[in-house]
Amino acid sequence: MKKMKFGSSDVDVAAVILGCMRINNAENPVKVIETAYESGIDFFDHADIYGGGDCESIFGKALKETSIKREDLFIQTKCGIVPGKMFDFSKEHIVASVEGSLQRLGMDYVDALLLHRPDALMEPEEVAAAFDELAQAGKVKHFGVSNQSPQQIALLKKAVKQPLVANQLQFGLKHTEMIDQGIHVNMSDQGSFDHDGGIYEYSRLHDMTIQAWSPYQYGFFEGVFIGNEKFPELNQKLNEMAEKYQTTPTGMAAAWILRVPNMQVIAGTMNLGRITEIAQAAEIRLSKEDWYALYMAAGNILP
């Protein structure tokens, strides 16, 4: 498995993360964990809200049924969403969320904690107090954010002492806005629109790893683009490239993301075969020509 630095830390992590949002629907969670680990994926992503907390509980219970040691894994969770009600970055909520996650996971600490969605009422000093308490207690090793802009991160950094080492953002062949604006600088077409304040460049400048979520989705959970008749040109090119690089279209779509510097990819599948395909694809390095060919096949243009 390809390894990379986790943000500004001195920790090397797997390029592929297994997202556990759907582990409550897995036929055999134990086998899912074992297959991922045997394929080189030792990084698992959670959130306190996944399955209403059940996903963390299922994972924790399943892990105990394997021979895998906790210390050989990198466990990440997220907090800050109160489903259907609000986003909450208060100290009380952050600390309570982590305590709940640790209890469900059956662990003493998590390797990383990300703030899940921006809280418009955030007080950076409250976040800083929560992070300090969790770090000093040894309950969280690294901190980061999810779905946040450069200015939101800068606001947090006003008070937070710990490095923010990751930002989890949607990215994939049918969700390329993060990089489009950089390609279309000084243009006035659709691709030139700055949706997020230059978050990709900001992340690289500040040594924050980007974790690409929903890498196979188009739109906002509208569906998967692989094998979808709505995208014949893209799928034709994916099949062509998959044959060239001896992988599958699923693997190729992951390899495309991992060719972009500073990226991890979150595989949310519970299908054992796809977990293996994606893990193996981490070893593929596309040529620039092939990367751009897929970018254009996805409906993008070069100015």
Protein backbone atom coordinates (compact mmCIF):
# COMPACT_ATOMS: atom_id res chain seq x y z
CA MET A 1 0.00 0.00 0.00
CA LYS A 2 1.25 3.44 -0.95
CA LYS A 3 2.09 5.50 2.14
CA MET A 4 2.10 9.26 2.58
CA LYS A 5 2.73 11.80 5.32
CA PHE A 6 -0.35 12.67 7.33
CA GLY A 7 -0.39 16.42 6.98
CA SER A 8 2.42 18.12 8.89
CA SER A 9 2.82 15.17 11.27
CA ASP A 10 5.66 12.67 11.23
CA VAL A 11 3.21 9.78 10.75
CA ASP A 12 3.03 7.79 7.50
CA VAL A 13 -0.49 6.66 6.62
CA ALA A 14 -2.10 4.54 3.92
CA ALA A 15 -3.20 6.39 0.79
CA VAL A 16 -6.50 4.51 0.89
CA ILE A 17 -8.90 4.89 3.82
CA LEU A 18 -11.81 2.55 4.45
CA GLY A 19 -14.85 4.67 5.24
CA CYS A 20 -17.11 2.90 7.74
CA MET A 21 -20.35 4.82 7.18
CA ARG A 22 -22.02 1.67 5.78
CA ILE A 23 -20.46 -1.00 7.98
CA ASN A 24 -23.83 -1.40 9.70
CA ASN A 25 -25.07 -2.85 6.38
CA ALA A 26 -22.07 -5.13 5.83
CA GLU A 27 -22.84 -8.83 5.63
CA ASN A 28 -19.70 -9.68 7.60
CA PRO A 29 -18.00 -6.70 9.31
CA VAL A 30 -15.18 -8.91 10.57
CA LYS A 31 -14.32 -9.95 7.02
CA VAL A 32 -14.51 -6.34 5.85
CA ILE A 33 -11.90 -5.27 8.41
CA GLU A 34 -9.68 -8.28 7.70
CA THR A 35 -9.87 -7.83 3.92
CA ALA A 36 -8.99 -4.15 4.18
CA TYR A 37 -6.08 -4.84 6.52
CA GLU A 38 -4.73 -7.72 4.42
CA SER A 39 -4.89 -5.40 1.39
CA GLY A 40 -2.78 -2.78 3.14
CA ILE A 41 -5.61 -0.52 4.31
CA ASP A 42 -4.98 0.11 8.00
CA PHE A 43 -6.71 3.51 8.12
CA PHE A 44 -10.42 3.49 9.08
CA ASP A 45 -12.71 6.53 9.04
CA HIS A 46 -15.74 6.93 11.32
CA ALA A 47 -18.11 9.61 12.56
CA ASP A 48 -20.24 9.75 15.68
CA ILE A 49 -23.39 10.02 13.56
CA TYR A 50 -22.80 7.08 11.22
CA GLY A 51 -25.67 4.68 11.77
CA GLY A 52 -26.65 6.75 14.78
CA GLY A 53 -23.47 5.51 16.45
CA ASP A 54 -24.03 1.88 15.50
CA CYS A 55 -21.22 1.87 12.94
CA GLU A 56 -18.59 2.59 15.57
CA SER A 57 -20.08 -0.06 17.88
CA ILE A 58 -20.15 -2.67 15.10
CA PHE A 59 -16.57 -1.88 14.12
CA GLY A 60 -15.33 -2.06 17.70
CA LYS A 61 -17.02 -5.39 18.30
CA ALA A 62 -15.87 -6.82 14.95
CA LEU A 63 -12.26 -5.72 15.49
CA LYS A 64 -12.13 -7.73 18.72
CA GLU A 65 -13.03 -10.83 16.70
CA THR A 66 -9.93 -10.41 14.52
CA SER A 67 -6.29 -10.96 15.39
CA ILE A 68 -5.46 -7.37 14.37
CA LYS A 69 -3.90 -5.24 17.08
CA ARG A 70 -5.39 -1.82 17.82
CA GLU A 71 -1.95 -0.22 17.73
CA ASP A 72 -1.46 -1.41 14.15
CA LEU A 73 -4.44 0.63 12.95
CA PHE A 74 -5.07 4.33 12.35
CA ILE A 75 -8.57 5.14 13.59
CA GLN A 76 -10.20 8.45 12.72
CA THR A 77 -13.59 9.78 13.75
CA LYS A 78 -15.54 12.99 13.25
CA CYS A 79 -17.95 15.07 15.32
CA GLY A 80 -19.94 18.28 15.16
CA ILE A 81 -23.19 17.28 13.43
CA VAL A 82 -26.41 16.99 15.41
CA PRO A 83 -28.51 15.39 12.63
CA GLY A 84 -31.43 17.46 11.43
CA LYS A 85 -30.90 20.07 14.16
CA MET A 86 -27.59 21.91 14.06
CA PHE A 87 -23.82 21.84 13.83
CA ASP A 88 -22.14 22.13 17.21
CA PHE A 89 -18.47 22.95 17.85
CA SER A 90 -18.93 23.75 21.53
CA LYS A 91 -16.37 22.32 23.93
CA GLU A 92 -19.05 20.32 25.68
CA HIS A 93 -20.27 18.71 22.48
CA ILE A 94 -16.81 17.91 21.08
CA VAL A 95 -15.59 16.30 24.30
CA ALA A 96 -18.82 14.35 24.81
CA SER A 97 -18.77 13.16 21.20
CA VAL A 98 -15.24 11.82 21.51
CA GLU A 99 -16.05 10.11 24.81
CA GLY A 100 -19.02 8.46 23.12
CA SER A 101 -16.98 7.36 20.12
CA LEU A 102 -14.28 5.85 22.33
CA GLN A 103 -16.86 3.94 24.32
CA ARG A 104 -18.52 2.56 21.20
CA LEU A 105 -15.21 1.69 19.54
CA GLY A 106 -13.93 0.09 22.75
CA MET A 107 -10.71 2.12 22.54
CA ASP A 108 -8.72 4.45 24.76
CA TYR A 109 -7.86 6.89 21.98
CA VAL A 110 -8.42 7.75 18.33
CA ASP A 111 -5.56 8.67 16.05
CA ALA A 112 -7.42 11.59 14.48
CA LEU A 113 -10.50 13.70 15.14
CA LEU A 114 -12.05 15.88 12.43
CA LEU A 115 -14.70 18.55 12.86
CA HIS A 116 -17.41 17.32 10.52
CA ARG A 117 -19.28 20.34 9.10
CA PRO A 118 -18.67 24.06 9.78
CA ASP A 119 -20.58 25.50 12.71
CA ALA A 120 -21.65 29.07 11.89
CA LEU A 121 -21.69 29.84 15.63
CA MET A 122 -18.22 28.46 16.26
CA GLU A 123 -16.06 30.07 18.93
CA PRO A 124 -12.42 29.13 18.17
CA GLU A 125 -11.51 29.36 21.85
CA GLU A 126 -14.07 26.67 22.73
CA VAL A 127 -12.69 24.35 20.06
CA ALA A 128 -9.18 25.02 21.32
CA ALA A 129 -10.20 24.18 24.89
CA ALA A 130 -11.76 20.91 23.75
CA PHE A 131 -8.72 19.96 21.68
CA ASP A 132 -6.36 20.79 24.57
CA GLU A 133 -8.34 18.63 26.98
CA LEU A 134 -8.53 15.69 24.58
CA ALA A 135 -4.86 15.93 23.62
CA GLN A 136 -3.65 16.22 27.20
CA ALA A 137 -5.74 13.20 28.19
CA GLY A 138 -4.21 11.20 25.32
CA LYS A 139 -7.63 10.56 23.81
CA VAL A 140 -6.87 12.18 20.42
CA LYS A 141 -3.48 12.14 18.70
CA HIS A 142 -4.14 14.40 15.67
CA PHE A 143 -6.77 16.96 14.72
CA GLY A 144 -8.31 18.19 11.49
CA VAL A 145 -11.47 19.38 9.79
CA SER A 146 -13.97 18.29 7.19
CA ASN A 147 -15.71 20.37 4.52
CA GLN A 148 -14.10 23.64 5.61
CA SER A 149 -12.79 26.61 3.64
CA PRO A 150 -9.41 28.32 4.05
CA GLN A 151 -10.92 31.21 6.02
CA GLN A 152 -12.79 28.86 8.35
CA ILE A 153 -9.55 26.96 8.98
CA ALA A 154 -7.65 30.21 9.53
CA LEU A 155 -10.28 31.27 12.06
CA LEU A 156 -9.80 28.01 13.96
CA LYS A 157 -6.03 28.43 13.88
CA LYS A 158 -6.45 31.77 15.65
CA ALA A 159 -6.95 29.78 18.86
CA VAL A 160 -6.17 26.11 18.24
CA LYS A 161 -2.59 25.17 19.17
CA GLN A 162 -2.48 21.73 17.56
CA PRO A 163 -1.69 21.44 13.82
CA LEU A 164 -4.78 20.83 11.67
CA VAL A 165 -3.43 18.00 9.55
CA ALA A 166 -6.37 17.00 7.34
CA ASN A 167 -9.46 18.28 5.56
CA GLN A 168 -12.05 15.83 4.31
CA LEU A 169 -13.63 17.12 1.08
CA GLN A 170 -15.70 15.66 -1.73
CA PHE A 171 -13.56 14.99 -4.78
CA GLY A 172 -13.58 12.64 -7.74
CA LEU A 173 -13.90 12.50 -11.50
CA LYS A 174 -17.42 13.95 -11.37
CA HIS A 175 -16.70 16.42 -8.60
CA THR A 176 -13.61 18.32 -9.70
CA GLU A 177 -14.46 21.88 -8.66
CA MET A 178 -11.59 21.92 -6.18
CA ILE A 179 -9.06 21.91 -9.00
CA ASP A 180 -11.07 23.41 -11.87
CA GLN A 181 -10.52 27.00 -10.83
CA GLY A 182 -6.76 26.53 -10.78
CA ILE A 183 -6.89 25.24 -14.35
CA HIS A 184 -9.19 28.05 -15.48
CA VAL A 185 -7.36 31.01 -13.89
CA ASN A 186 -8.00 34.29 -15.71
CA MET A 187 -11.01 32.83 -17.56
CA SER A 188 -14.70 33.68 -17.25
CA ASP A 189 -16.23 30.27 -17.98
CA GLN A 190 -17.92 27.87 -15.54
CA GLY A 191 -14.66 26.22 -14.55
CA SER A 192 -13.20 29.52 -13.37
CA PHE A 193 -15.70 29.89 -10.52
CA ASP A 194 -14.01 29.76 -7.14
CA HIS A 195 -16.30 27.60 -5.03
CA ASP A 196 -14.17 27.18 -1.94
CA GLY A 197 -11.54 29.90 -1.63
CA GLY A 198 -8.72 27.91 -3.17
CA ILE A 199 -8.88 25.08 -0.63
CA TYR A 200 -6.66 22.75 -2.65
CA GLU A 201 -3.77 25.20 -2.87
CA TYR A 202 -4.31 26.27 0.74
CA SER A 203 -4.11 22.66 1.89
CA ARG A 204 -0.82 22.09 0.11
CA LEU A 205 0.65 25.35 1.38
CA HIS A 206 -0.29 24.50 4.97
CA ASP A 207 0.58 20.78 4.84
CA MET A 208 -2.99 19.53 5.24
CA THR A 209 -3.83 16.18 3.70
CA ILE A 210 -7.04 16.18 1.66
CA GLN A 211 -9.22 13.11 2.14
CA ALA A 212 -11.51 12.61 -0.87
CA TRP A 213 -14.96 11.42 0.17
CA SER A 214 -17.64 9.95 -2.13
CA PRO A 215 -15.04 9.48 -4.89
CA TYR A 216 -17.45 7.58 -7.17
CA GLN A 217 -20.51 9.80 -6.77
CA TYR A 218 -21.78 12.46 -9.15
CA GLY A 219 -23.65 15.44 -7.78
CA PHE A 220 -24.50 15.25 -4.10
CA PHE A 221 -25.25 11.55 -3.58
CA GLU A 222 -27.15 11.39 -6.86
CA GLY A 223 -25.54 8.10 -7.80
CA VAL A 224 -22.37 6.34 -8.90
CA PHE A 225 -20.89 7.33 -12.27
CA ILE A 226 -19.06 4.04 -12.90
CA GLY A 227 -21.10 1.93 -15.30
CA ASN A 228 -23.74 4.65 -15.46
CA GLU A 229 -25.25 5.12 -18.94
CA LYS A 230 -25.46 8.88 -18.29
CA PHE A 231 -21.68 9.07 -18.73
CA PRO A 232 -20.75 6.95 -21.76
CA GLU A 233 -17.56 8.86 -22.68
CA LEU A 234 -16.19 8.70 -19.16
CA ASN A 235 -16.94 5.01 -18.76
CA GLN A 236 -15.44 4.19 -22.14
CA LYS A 237 -12.23 5.96 -21.12
CA LEU A 238 -12.25 4.30 -17.67
CA ASN A 239 -12.54 0.89 -19.29
CA GLU A 240 -9.76 1.72 -21.74
CA MET A 241 -7.44 2.96 -18.98
CA ALA A 242 -8.32 0.07 -16.69
CA GLU A 243 -7.17 -2.36 -19.36
CA LYS A 244 -3.99 -0.37 -19.96
CA TYR A 245 -3.06 -0.25 -16.26
CA GLN A 246 -4.38 -3.75 -15.49
CA THR A 247 -7.01 -2.69 -13.00
CA THR A 248 -10.78 -2.13 -12.97
CA PRO A 249 -12.79 1.04 -13.64
CA THR A 250 -13.29 1.35 -9.88
CA GLY A 251 -9.57 1.04 -9.30
CA MET A 252 -8.82 3.49 -12.09
CA ALA A 253 -11.14 6.15 -10.63
CA ALA A 254 -9.27 5.82 -7.32
CA ALA A 255 -5.86 5.92 -9.03
CA TRP A 256 -6.94 9.13 -10.79
CA ILE A 257 -7.57 10.80 -7.41
CA LEU A 258 -4.33 9.51 -5.92
CA ARG A 259 -2.33 10.97 -8.83
CA VAL A 260 -3.25 14.41 -7.46
CA PRO A 261 -0.64 15.49 -4.88
CA ASN A 262 -1.70 15.60 -1.24
CA MET A 263 -4.68 13.26 -1.62
CA GLN A 264 -5.99 10.24 0.23
CA VAL A 265 -9.09 8.47 -1.07
CA ILE A 266 -11.91 7.20 1.13
CA ALA A 267 -13.35 3.92 -0.11
CA GLY A 268 -16.83 3.60 1.36
CA THR A 269 -17.58 0.19 -0.11
CA MET A 270 -18.28 -2.89 1.98
CA ASN A 271 -17.80 -5.13 -1.07
CA LEU A 272 -14.71 -7.26 -0.41
CA GLY A 273 -13.69 -7.41 -4.06
CA ARG A 274 -13.91 -3.65 -4.48
CA ILE A 275 -11.90 -3.06 -1.31
CA THR A 276 -9.12 -5.17 -2.83
CA GLU A 277 -9.39 -3.44 -6.22
CA ILE A 278 -9.08 0.01 -4.70
CA ALA A 279 -6.19 -0.99 -2.45
CA GLN A 280 -4.26 -2.43 -5.40
CA ALA A 281 -4.95 0.70 -7.46
CA ALA A 282 -3.01 2.77 -4.92
CA GLU A 283 0.16 1.42 -6.51
CA ILE A 284 -0.77 2.82 -9.94
CA ARG A 285 0.73 6.12 -11.07
CA LEU A 286 -1.05 7.52 -14.10
CA SER A 287 0.88 9.45 -16.68
CA LYS A 288 -0.07 13.12 -16.90
CA GLU A 289 -1.51 12.53 -20.37
CA ASP A 290 -3.78 9.75 -19.12
CA TRP A 291 -4.83 11.76 -16.07
CA TYR A 292 -5.91 14.68 -18.24
CA ALA A 293 -7.63 12.32 -20.69
CA LEU A 294 -9.87 11.08 -17.88
CA TYR A 295 -10.40 14.63 -16.61
CA MET A 296 -11.69 15.66 -20.05
CA ALA A 297 -13.72 12.46 -20.49
CA ALA A 298 -15.55 13.43 -17.30
CA GLY A 299 -16.86 16.51 -19.13
CA ASN A 300 -14.18 19.04 -18.25
CA ILE A 301 -12.35 21.22 -20.76
CA LEU A 302 -8.88 22.67 -20.93
CA PRO A 303 -8.92 26.42 -21.73
